[in-house]
Every structure is written in C-alpha cells, then in structure tokens.
N, C-alpha and C. Protein backbone atom coordinates (compact mmCIF):
# COMPACT_ATOMS: atom_id res chain seq x y z
N UNK A 1 68.51 79.82 -43.33
CA UNK A 1 68.73 78.41 -42.97
C UNK A 1 70.00 77.75 -43.88
N UNK A 2 70.71 76.83 -43.35
CA UNK A 2 71.88 76.27 -44.14
C UNK A 2 71.49 74.98 -44.27
N UNK A 3 71.35 74.39 -45.55
CA UNK A 3 71.07 72.96 -45.86
C UNK A 3 72.02 72.37 -46.89
N UNK A 4 72.48 70.97 -46.54
CA UNK A 4 73.29 70.41 -47.57
C UNK A 4 72.20 69.22 -47.89
N UNK A 5 71.55 69.35 -48.88
CA UNK A 5 70.60 68.45 -49.42
C UNK A 5 71.23 67.51 -50.38
N UNK A 6 71.33 66.32 -49.97
CA UNK A 6 71.80 65.31 -50.86
C UNK A 6 70.95 64.14 -51.00
N UNK A 7 70.38 63.95 -52.31
CA UNK A 7 69.37 62.95 -52.70
C UNK A 7 70.10 61.78 -53.02
N UNK A 8 69.70 60.55 -52.69
CA UNK A 8 69.96 59.46 -52.88
C UNK A 8 71.24 59.03 -52.51
N UNK A 9 72.12 59.71 -52.14
CA UNK A 9 73.57 59.51 -51.72
C UNK A 9 73.98 60.50 -50.77
N UNK A 10 74.94 60.10 -49.93
CA UNK A 10 75.69 61.01 -49.06
C UNK A 10 76.77 61.66 -49.71
N UNK A 11 77.30 62.52 -49.15
CA UNK A 11 78.66 63.12 -49.63
C UNK A 11 79.66 62.05 -49.72
N UNK A 12 80.58 62.37 -50.62
CA UNK A 12 81.85 61.65 -50.53
C UNK A 12 82.54 61.92 -49.36
N UNK A 13 83.09 60.77 -48.89
CA UNK A 13 83.80 61.21 -47.67
C UNK A 13 84.72 62.31 -47.39
N UNK A 14 85.40 62.86 -48.47
CA UNK A 14 86.24 63.92 -48.41
C UNK A 14 85.33 65.33 -48.31
N UNK A 15 83.98 65.07 -48.70
CA UNK A 15 83.00 66.37 -48.60
C UNK A 15 82.20 66.38 -47.46
N UNK A 16 82.06 65.19 -46.83
CA UNK A 16 81.12 64.96 -45.70
C UNK A 16 81.45 65.87 -44.60
N UNK A 17 82.72 65.88 -44.33
CA UNK A 17 83.40 66.61 -42.93
C UNK A 17 82.76 67.98 -43.37
N UNK A 18 83.02 68.66 -44.48
CA UNK A 18 82.83 70.04 -44.65
C UNK A 18 81.10 70.11 -44.54
N UNK A 19 80.49 69.41 -45.06
CA UNK A 19 78.87 69.31 -45.14
C UNK A 19 78.42 69.16 -43.52
N UNK A 20 78.71 68.06 -42.85
CA UNK A 20 78.72 68.06 -41.69
C UNK A 20 78.88 68.95 -40.64
N UNK A 21 80.41 69.52 -40.95
CA UNK A 21 80.80 70.65 -40.04
C UNK A 21 79.99 71.91 -40.17
N UNK A 22 79.44 72.24 -41.19
CA UNK A 22 78.85 73.21 -41.45
C UNK A 22 77.37 73.39 -40.55
N UNK A 23 77.07 72.13 -40.10
CA UNK A 23 75.73 72.05 -39.53
C UNK A 23 76.12 71.80 -38.06
N UNK A 24 74.90 72.21 -37.43
CA UNK A 24 74.79 72.06 -35.83
C UNK A 24 74.26 70.67 -35.61
N UNK A 25 73.63 70.24 -36.50
CA UNK A 25 72.99 68.95 -36.27
C UNK A 25 72.75 68.20 -37.51
N UNK A 26 72.10 67.13 -37.61
CA UNK A 26 72.00 66.24 -39.02
C UNK A 26 70.83 65.78 -38.75
N UNK A 27 70.21 65.77 -40.10
CA UNK A 27 68.66 65.17 -40.25
C UNK A 27 68.89 64.23 -41.53
N UNK A 28 68.25 63.12 -41.26
CA UNK A 28 68.32 61.96 -42.20
C UNK A 28 66.81 61.55 -42.82
N UNK A 29 66.48 61.62 -43.92
CA UNK A 29 65.33 61.13 -44.61
C UNK A 29 65.48 59.83 -45.20
N UNK A 30 65.03 58.51 -44.61
CA UNK A 30 65.04 57.37 -45.28
C UNK A 30 63.70 57.32 -46.00
N UNK A 31 63.58 56.81 -47.12
CA UNK A 31 62.42 56.86 -48.06
C UNK A 31 62.52 55.43 -48.65
N UNK A 32 61.21 54.65 -48.66
CA UNK A 32 61.24 53.58 -49.23
C UNK A 32 61.05 53.96 -50.90
N UNK A 33 61.44 52.92 -51.77
CA UNK A 33 61.19 53.07 -53.15
C UNK A 33 59.76 53.82 -53.48
N UNK A 34 59.51 54.49 -54.10
CA UNK A 34 58.03 55.39 -54.50
C UNK A 34 57.40 55.99 -53.62
N UNK A 35 58.23 56.30 -52.69
CA UNK A 35 57.58 57.14 -51.08
C UNK A 35 57.53 58.56 -51.69
N UNK A 36 56.32 59.06 -51.08
CA UNK A 36 56.18 60.63 -51.36
C UNK A 36 57.06 61.52 -50.38
N UNK A 37 58.13 61.86 -50.97
CA UNK A 37 59.03 62.69 -50.38
C UNK A 37 58.75 64.10 -50.14
N UNK A 38 58.24 64.77 -51.01
CA UNK A 38 58.05 66.29 -51.01
C UNK A 38 57.43 66.90 -49.79
N UNK A 39 56.48 66.23 -49.22
CA UNK A 39 55.97 67.01 -48.00
C UNK A 39 56.70 67.02 -46.89
N UNK A 40 57.49 65.90 -46.72
CA UNK A 40 58.42 65.64 -45.69
C UNK A 40 59.48 66.70 -45.82
N UNK A 41 60.30 66.62 -47.14
CA UNK A 41 61.20 67.50 -47.38
C UNK A 41 60.87 68.90 -47.05
N UNK A 42 59.68 69.30 -47.55
CA UNK A 42 59.31 70.64 -47.30
C UNK A 42 59.24 71.21 -45.83
N UNK A 43 58.64 70.24 -45.03
CA UNK A 43 58.51 70.41 -43.52
C UNK A 43 59.83 70.65 -43.21
N UNK A 44 60.83 69.76 -43.45
CA UNK A 44 62.24 69.77 -42.93
C UNK A 44 62.91 71.31 -43.52
N UNK A 45 62.79 71.37 -44.63
CA UNK A 45 63.32 72.55 -45.13
C UNK A 45 63.01 74.05 -44.32
N UNK A 46 61.58 73.96 -43.88
CA UNK A 46 60.89 75.18 -43.30
C UNK A 46 61.52 75.17 -41.90
N UNK A 47 61.88 74.07 -41.11
CA UNK A 47 61.70 73.82 -39.74
C UNK A 47 63.06 73.55 -39.01
N UNK A 48 64.05 73.11 -39.97
CA UNK A 48 65.40 72.59 -39.58
C UNK A 48 66.49 73.54 -39.42
N UNK A 49 66.61 74.59 -39.11
CA UNK A 49 67.62 75.60 -39.24
C UNK A 49 68.90 75.10 -39.08
N UNK A 50 69.88 75.43 -39.73
CA UNK A 50 71.23 74.74 -39.64
C UNK A 50 71.45 73.49 -39.59
N UNK A 51 70.65 72.71 -40.39
CA UNK A 51 70.67 71.32 -40.24
C UNK A 51 71.25 70.77 -41.52
N UNK A 52 72.16 69.94 -41.58
CA UNK A 52 72.59 69.12 -42.59
C UNK A 52 71.35 68.02 -42.96
N UNK A 53 70.93 68.27 -44.27
CA UNK A 53 69.53 67.51 -44.53
C UNK A 53 70.20 66.35 -45.53
N UNK A 54 69.90 65.12 -45.35
CA UNK A 54 70.27 64.25 -46.32
C UNK A 54 69.18 63.29 -46.23
N UNK A 55 68.97 62.81 -47.59
CA UNK A 55 68.04 61.81 -48.23
C UNK A 55 68.77 60.64 -48.61
N UNK A 56 68.20 59.35 -48.25
CA UNK A 56 68.68 58.16 -48.57
C UNK A 56 67.33 57.41 -48.99
N UNK A 57 67.29 57.12 -50.35
CA UNK A 57 66.03 56.60 -50.81
C UNK A 57 66.32 55.11 -51.60
N UNK A 58 65.37 54.10 -51.30
CA UNK A 58 65.73 52.89 -51.71
C UNK A 58 65.55 52.93 -53.26
N UNK A 59 66.42 52.54 -53.81
CA UNK A 59 66.54 52.30 -55.14
C UNK A 59 65.56 51.47 -55.76
N UNK A 60 65.17 51.45 -57.01
CA UNK A 60 64.41 50.60 -57.81
C UNK A 60 64.80 49.18 -57.70
N UNK A 61 64.04 48.21 -57.25
CA UNK A 61 64.45 46.73 -57.18
C UNK A 61 65.40 46.50 -56.09
N UNK A 62 65.93 47.43 -55.38
CA UNK A 62 66.92 47.27 -54.47
C UNK A 62 65.91 46.42 -53.17
N UNK A 63 66.87 45.44 -52.37
CA UNK A 63 66.19 44.53 -51.49
C UNK A 63 66.45 45.69 -49.96
N UNK A 64 65.50 45.26 -49.11
CA UNK A 64 65.56 45.68 -47.81
C UNK A 64 66.89 45.50 -47.18
N UNK A 65 67.47 44.47 -47.35
CA UNK A 65 68.88 44.07 -47.04
C UNK A 65 69.84 44.81 -47.71
N UNK A 66 70.00 44.91 -48.74
CA UNK A 66 70.72 45.95 -49.33
C UNK A 66 70.68 47.47 -49.07
N UNK A 67 69.47 47.88 -49.15
CA UNK A 67 68.95 49.20 -48.39
C UNK A 67 69.54 49.51 -46.99
N UNK A 68 69.64 48.61 -46.30
CA UNK A 68 69.97 48.49 -44.76
C UNK A 68 71.61 48.55 -44.96
N UNK A 69 72.14 47.88 -45.82
CA UNK A 69 73.76 47.94 -46.01
C UNK A 69 74.00 49.36 -46.45
N UNK A 70 73.52 49.76 -47.21
CA UNK A 70 73.75 51.06 -47.96
C UNK A 70 73.35 52.20 -46.73
N UNK A 71 72.46 52.07 -45.87
CA UNK A 71 72.44 53.09 -44.77
C UNK A 71 73.64 52.67 -43.80
N UNK A 72 74.05 51.52 -43.56
CA UNK A 72 75.05 51.29 -42.50
C UNK A 72 76.56 51.72 -43.31
N UNK A 73 76.57 51.71 -44.34
CA UNK A 73 77.85 52.29 -45.02
C UNK A 73 77.85 53.82 -44.57
N UNK A 74 76.70 54.64 -44.95
CA UNK A 74 76.76 55.83 -44.94
C UNK A 74 76.68 56.35 -43.49
N UNK A 75 75.96 55.63 -42.80
CA UNK A 75 76.33 55.98 -41.19
C UNK A 75 77.69 55.86 -40.45
N UNK A 76 78.33 54.92 -41.40
CA UNK A 76 79.97 54.73 -40.65
C UNK A 76 80.51 55.74 -41.21
N UNK A 77 80.28 56.51 -42.38
CA UNK A 77 80.98 57.73 -42.94
C UNK A 77 80.81 58.72 -42.00
N UNK A 78 79.42 58.98 -41.72
CA UNK A 78 79.00 60.27 -40.95
C UNK A 78 79.87 60.08 -39.55
N UNK A 79 79.76 58.99 -39.06
CA UNK A 79 80.42 58.74 -37.72
C UNK A 79 81.94 58.94 -37.84
N UNK A 80 82.58 58.63 -38.98
CA UNK A 80 84.09 58.82 -38.98
C UNK A 80 84.56 60.24 -39.19
N UNK A 81 83.31 61.17 -39.62
CA UNK A 81 83.50 62.52 -39.73
C UNK A 81 83.26 63.13 -38.41
N UNK A 82 82.98 62.43 -37.19
CA UNK A 82 82.70 62.82 -35.95
C UNK A 82 81.42 63.50 -35.89
N UNK A 83 80.51 63.17 -36.47
CA UNK A 83 78.99 63.60 -36.61
C UNK A 83 78.16 62.53 -36.33
N UNK A 84 76.87 62.60 -36.19
CA UNK A 84 75.80 61.82 -35.98
C UNK A 84 74.67 62.40 -36.37
N UNK A 85 73.50 61.29 -36.46
CA UNK A 85 72.05 61.75 -36.82
C UNK A 85 71.53 62.11 -35.68
N UNK A 86 70.88 63.27 -35.50
CA UNK A 86 70.12 63.86 -34.51
C UNK A 86 68.56 63.45 -34.64
N UNK A 87 68.16 63.52 -35.89
CA UNK A 87 66.77 63.30 -36.20
C UNK A 87 66.57 62.71 -37.51
N UNK A 88 65.49 61.96 -37.57
CA UNK A 88 65.29 61.11 -38.94
C UNK A 88 63.73 61.23 -39.14
N UNK A 89 63.42 60.76 -40.48
CA UNK A 89 62.05 60.60 -40.88
C UNK A 89 62.20 59.18 -41.84
N UNK A 90 61.29 58.42 -41.60
CA UNK A 90 61.41 57.12 -42.41
C UNK A 90 60.00 57.40 -43.04
N UNK A 91 60.08 57.31 -44.61
CA UNK A 91 58.84 57.67 -45.24
C UNK A 91 58.59 56.48 -46.09
N UNK A 92 57.27 55.81 -45.68
CA UNK A 92 57.04 54.43 -46.22
C UNK A 92 56.16 55.12 -47.76
N UNK A 93 56.33 53.78 -48.51
CA UNK A 93 55.55 53.81 -49.52
C UNK A 93 54.27 53.64 -49.85
N UNK A 94 53.46 53.97 -50.57
CA UNK A 94 51.88 54.01 -50.53
C UNK A 94 51.86 52.45 -50.40
N UNK A 95 50.80 52.06 -49.46
CA UNK A 95 50.39 50.56 -49.51
C UNK A 95 51.45 49.76 -48.56
N UNK A 96 52.23 50.60 -47.63
CA UNK A 96 53.01 49.92 -46.73
C UNK A 96 52.21 49.19 -45.83
N UNK A 97 52.54 47.88 -45.64
CA UNK A 97 51.50 47.19 -44.60
C UNK A 97 52.31 46.27 -43.73
N UNK A 98 51.47 45.37 -42.97
CA UNK A 98 52.07 44.51 -41.83
C UNK A 98 53.27 43.89 -42.30
N UNK A 99 53.19 43.07 -43.46
CA UNK A 99 54.34 42.44 -43.96
C UNK A 99 55.62 43.15 -44.26
N UNK A 100 55.48 44.56 -44.39
CA UNK A 100 56.55 45.27 -44.68
C UNK A 100 57.27 45.58 -43.01
N UNK A 101 56.58 45.45 -42.18
CA UNK A 101 57.13 45.99 -40.81
C UNK A 101 58.45 45.24 -40.56
N UNK A 102 58.43 43.72 -40.56
CA UNK A 102 59.75 43.33 -40.23
C UNK A 102 61.10 43.47 -40.89
N UNK A 103 60.94 43.94 -42.04
CA UNK A 103 62.33 44.32 -42.66
C UNK A 103 62.42 45.70 -42.44
N UNK A 104 61.53 46.60 -42.32
CA UNK A 104 61.46 47.82 -41.72
C UNK A 104 62.44 47.99 -40.26
N UNK A 105 61.82 47.11 -39.38
CA UNK A 105 62.45 47.11 -37.94
C UNK A 105 63.98 46.87 -38.32
N UNK A 106 64.35 46.01 -39.09
CA UNK A 106 65.76 45.79 -39.27
C UNK A 106 66.74 47.11 -39.69
N UNK A 107 65.94 47.63 -40.70
CA UNK A 107 66.39 49.05 -41.28
C UNK A 107 66.51 49.89 -40.09
N UNK A 108 65.42 50.19 -39.45
CA UNK A 108 65.45 51.46 -38.44
C UNK A 108 66.43 50.97 -37.31
N UNK A 109 66.40 49.78 -36.89
CA UNK A 109 67.38 49.33 -35.69
C UNK A 109 68.79 49.79 -36.15
N UNK A 110 69.25 49.67 -37.14
CA UNK A 110 70.57 50.23 -37.53
C UNK A 110 70.69 51.81 -37.20
N UNK A 111 69.75 52.65 -37.76
CA UNK A 111 69.66 53.93 -37.58
C UNK A 111 69.43 54.29 -36.05
N UNK A 112 68.73 53.59 -35.51
CA UNK A 112 68.56 53.89 -34.02
C UNK A 112 69.66 53.43 -33.14
N UNK A 113 70.31 52.60 -33.58
CA UNK A 113 71.61 52.12 -32.67
C UNK A 113 72.72 53.21 -32.73
N UNK A 114 72.79 53.97 -34.10
CA UNK A 114 73.62 55.21 -33.96
C UNK A 114 73.24 56.29 -33.15
N UNK A 115 71.89 56.55 -33.08
CA UNK A 115 71.36 57.51 -32.12
C UNK A 115 71.55 57.14 -30.86
N UNK A 116 71.36 56.07 -30.38
CA UNK A 116 71.21 55.54 -28.95
C UNK A 116 73.02 55.92 -28.64
N UNK A 117 73.76 55.52 -29.32
CA UNK A 117 75.27 55.76 -29.12
C UNK A 117 75.45 57.17 -28.68
N UNK A 118 74.68 58.17 -29.48
CA UNK A 118 74.83 59.55 -29.24
C UNK A 118 74.12 59.92 -27.91
N UNK A 119 73.28 59.33 -27.65
CA UNK A 119 72.62 59.55 -26.30
C UNK A 119 71.14 59.98 -26.56
N UNK A 120 70.75 60.45 -27.64
CA UNK A 120 69.58 60.94 -28.03
C UNK A 120 69.19 60.77 -29.54
N UNK A 121 68.05 61.19 -29.91
CA UNK A 121 67.53 61.25 -31.23
C UNK A 121 65.84 61.14 -31.20
N UNK A 122 65.42 61.58 -32.49
CA UNK A 122 63.94 61.38 -32.75
C UNK A 122 63.80 60.81 -34.07
N UNK A 123 62.89 59.87 -34.24
CA UNK A 123 62.59 59.14 -35.54
C UNK A 123 61.10 59.46 -35.66
N UNK A 124 60.72 59.82 -37.05
CA UNK A 124 59.51 59.86 -37.30
C UNK A 124 58.96 58.96 -38.42
N UNK A 125 57.98 58.24 -38.07
CA UNK A 125 57.40 57.57 -39.25
C UNK A 125 56.25 58.11 -40.00
N UNK A 126 56.32 58.04 -41.41
CA UNK A 126 55.46 58.92 -42.19
C UNK A 126 55.13 57.94 -43.07
N UNK A 127 53.68 57.97 -43.39
CA UNK A 127 53.07 57.28 -44.46
C UNK A 127 52.36 58.24 -45.52
N UNK A 128 51.77 57.87 -46.53
CA UNK A 128 51.00 58.62 -47.39
C UNK A 128 49.86 59.29 -46.64
N UNK A 129 49.46 60.31 -46.84
CA UNK A 129 48.09 60.91 -46.24
C UNK A 129 46.81 60.19 -46.50
N UNK A 130 46.32 59.59 -45.53
CA UNK A 130 44.93 58.84 -46.05
C UNK A 130 45.16 57.55 -46.17
N UNK A 131 46.30 57.02 -46.32
CA UNK A 131 46.49 55.39 -46.32
C UNK A 131 46.30 54.78 -45.07
N UNK A 132 45.29 54.38 -44.93
CA UNK A 132 45.13 53.70 -43.30
C UNK A 132 45.74 52.57 -43.26
N UNK A 133 45.95 51.54 -44.37
CA UNK A 133 46.76 50.55 -44.15
C UNK A 133 47.99 50.85 -43.65
N UNK A 134 48.75 51.85 -44.27
CA UNK A 134 50.17 52.00 -43.67
C UNK A 134 50.09 52.85 -42.46
N UNK A 135 49.17 53.49 -42.01
CA UNK A 135 49.17 54.05 -40.67
C UNK A 135 49.18 53.12 -39.83
N UNK A 136 48.10 51.76 -39.95
CA UNK A 136 48.25 50.76 -38.95
C UNK A 136 49.52 50.04 -38.91
N UNK A 137 50.20 49.83 -40.05
CA UNK A 137 51.33 49.19 -40.06
C UNK A 137 52.35 50.00 -39.43
N UNK A 138 52.37 51.45 -39.61
CA UNK A 138 53.33 51.98 -39.16
C UNK A 138 53.33 52.03 -37.64
N UNK A 139 52.09 51.98 -36.98
CA UNK A 139 52.10 52.24 -35.71
C UNK A 139 52.41 50.93 -35.11
N UNK A 140 52.32 49.81 -35.69
CA UNK A 140 52.90 48.58 -35.27
C UNK A 140 54.40 48.47 -35.12
N UNK A 141 54.80 49.26 -36.34
CA UNK A 141 56.44 49.34 -36.38
C UNK A 141 56.92 50.11 -35.29
N UNK A 142 55.94 51.33 -35.02
CA UNK A 142 56.53 52.13 -33.94
C UNK A 142 56.51 51.38 -32.73
N UNK A 143 55.54 50.57 -32.38
CA UNK A 143 55.52 50.10 -31.05
C UNK A 143 56.56 48.93 -30.83
N UNK A 144 56.96 48.36 -31.92
CA UNK A 144 58.03 47.37 -31.94
C UNK A 144 59.51 48.24 -31.67
N UNK A 145 59.41 49.32 -32.29
CA UNK A 145 60.82 50.27 -32.00
C UNK A 145 60.76 50.99 -30.72
N UNK A 146 59.57 51.53 -30.16
CA UNK A 146 59.51 52.01 -28.91
C UNK A 146 59.91 50.92 -27.85
N UNK A 147 59.56 49.57 -28.05
CA UNK A 147 60.12 48.80 -27.17
C UNK A 147 61.77 48.50 -27.15
N UNK A 148 62.26 48.62 -28.41
CA UNK A 148 63.79 48.74 -28.39
C UNK A 148 64.44 49.99 -27.56
N UNK A 149 63.75 51.00 -27.65
CA UNK A 149 64.47 52.33 -27.40
C UNK A 149 64.17 52.71 -25.93
N UNK A 150 63.19 52.04 -25.30
CA UNK A 150 62.76 52.65 -24.05
C UNK A 150 64.02 52.78 -23.12
N UNK A 151 64.19 54.20 -22.75
CA UNK A 151 64.95 54.59 -21.82
C UNK A 151 66.42 54.88 -22.34
N UNK A 152 66.55 54.95 -23.52
CA UNK A 152 67.73 55.33 -24.27
C UNK A 152 67.79 56.76 -24.75
N UNK A 153 66.80 57.57 -24.67
CA UNK A 153 66.98 59.02 -25.15
C UNK A 153 66.34 59.21 -26.51
N UNK A 154 65.92 57.93 -27.21
CA UNK A 154 65.49 57.98 -28.71
C UNK A 154 64.17 57.82 -28.65
N UNK A 155 63.32 58.84 -29.32
CA UNK A 155 61.85 58.66 -29.44
C UNK A 155 61.58 58.27 -30.74
N UNK A 156 60.28 57.65 -30.87
CA UNK A 156 59.84 57.21 -32.36
C UNK A 156 58.47 57.61 -32.17
N UNK A 157 58.02 58.35 -33.35
CA UNK A 157 56.92 59.38 -33.36
C UNK A 157 56.21 58.80 -34.77
N UNK A 158 54.66 58.69 -34.65
CA UNK A 158 54.08 58.40 -35.95
C UNK A 158 53.18 59.55 -36.19
N UNK A 159 52.96 59.51 -37.63
CA UNK A 159 52.03 60.60 -37.93
C UNK A 159 51.83 60.37 -39.68
N UNK A 160 50.82 60.71 -40.20
CA UNK A 160 50.61 60.72 -41.89
C UNK A 160 51.25 62.01 -41.99
N UNK A 161 51.37 61.97 -43.39
CA UNK A 161 52.38 63.25 -43.64
C UNK A 161 51.73 64.73 -43.31
N UNK A 162 50.50 64.83 -43.25
CA UNK A 162 49.88 66.07 -42.66
C UNK A 162 50.22 66.42 -41.09
N UNK A 163 49.91 65.18 -40.49
CA UNK A 163 50.39 65.26 -39.12
C UNK A 163 52.02 65.36 -38.88
N UNK A 164 53.04 64.92 -39.68
CA UNK A 164 54.13 65.06 -39.89
C UNK A 164 54.66 66.52 -39.82
N UNK A 165 53.94 67.14 -40.78
CA UNK A 165 54.14 68.48 -40.95
C UNK A 165 53.99 69.28 -39.77
N UNK A 166 52.82 68.99 -38.99
CA UNK A 166 52.61 69.62 -37.53
C UNK A 166 53.61 69.40 -36.64
N UNK A 167 54.19 68.12 -36.54
CA UNK A 167 55.21 67.60 -35.70
C UNK A 167 56.51 68.23 -36.06
N UNK A 168 56.86 68.34 -37.21
CA UNK A 168 58.00 68.89 -37.73
C UNK A 168 58.05 70.26 -37.47
N UNK A 169 56.91 71.06 -37.47
CA UNK A 169 56.97 72.36 -37.37
C UNK A 169 57.24 72.77 -35.71
N UNK A 170 57.21 71.78 -35.01
CA UNK A 170 57.41 72.00 -33.63
C UNK A 170 58.80 71.79 -33.12
N UNK A 171 59.39 71.23 -34.48
CA UNK A 171 60.99 71.42 -33.92
C UNK A 171 61.79 72.42 -33.46
N UNK A 172 62.73 72.46 -32.67
CA UNK A 172 63.38 73.86 -32.12
C UNK A 172 64.82 73.45 -32.00
C-alpha cells in the first residue's frame, strides 16, 4: 500500500502534485473537532490500496464556516494539481446532533460538488460507536445530502464506526 497521510493539513502546493500523482485515487477524511479518528484511519489504511490518504480536522475553536473555507482552499489545490477526491469519510464528534446538521450540510456540499464534477464519488458519514443521538443526526444529514446528489454518481452512506469498518472493507 502506498499512503500519503497528512494530518490537519494538505501538502503544500509544490508537494501536492507528487503526493497525488503517486496515487491512483484520493481519499479525504473530514473530522470535526474531537472526533474519534483512529478506527476510520485504520480501516482506510487496511483497505485503500494505492490511495493518497488525507485528513482535514476541524481545529479547536474553528467555526464551521472557517472549516468549510479551509476545505475549499484544499480542494482547489487538489484540483489545480489535476486530481480529485474519489472517496471521503466525515467523522462526527461525540454528541453530534440535529443542530449540527445544517452547518455540516454546507461543509459536505462543498466536498460533494467537487465529486460531482468528477462524475462519481462516495461519502461515508460516521459517528462514535453507540452514540444513538449522532446516528439519528447523521441519518438526517445523509437524507439531506442524498436529495442533493441523486443521479450524479455520488453516493452518501451512513454507519457507526464499527459499520464503517465493514463498509470500508468492501472497498475495491
């Protein structure tokens, strides 16, 4: 497996071409502040052969608007390198709830727009295992996102972290 794992920041533009060119596909993990990343990272590392694996995590105190802006900047850099994001996982914080859904729709719409322009993509929405509140909110988020992507070639899937491991192991 060949991974370019970058936590909290994407490669600088001069290095981004090298990182992306070495991979047949790119995987982006978007994580809220305080989200449990390790189970998702482990699943991707085991199953995403030849993928550039990038992590963008919300910084302490960073607003949803600023996190979205940072995502937009990084996606623009990836696109300027002639690449795109094929698959992504959004990892919610513990206690993610219905009030978090609207802000997250805006964030994920930015990501999904980049995938739609490529003609396909897959977005996994994950919460902490056993967090029923997050599971309900993530399903509501997925329903909203599925309405936006219907017929575009982009899929939105939900799962708790254990289920995400199962879904990720089906990657091929």
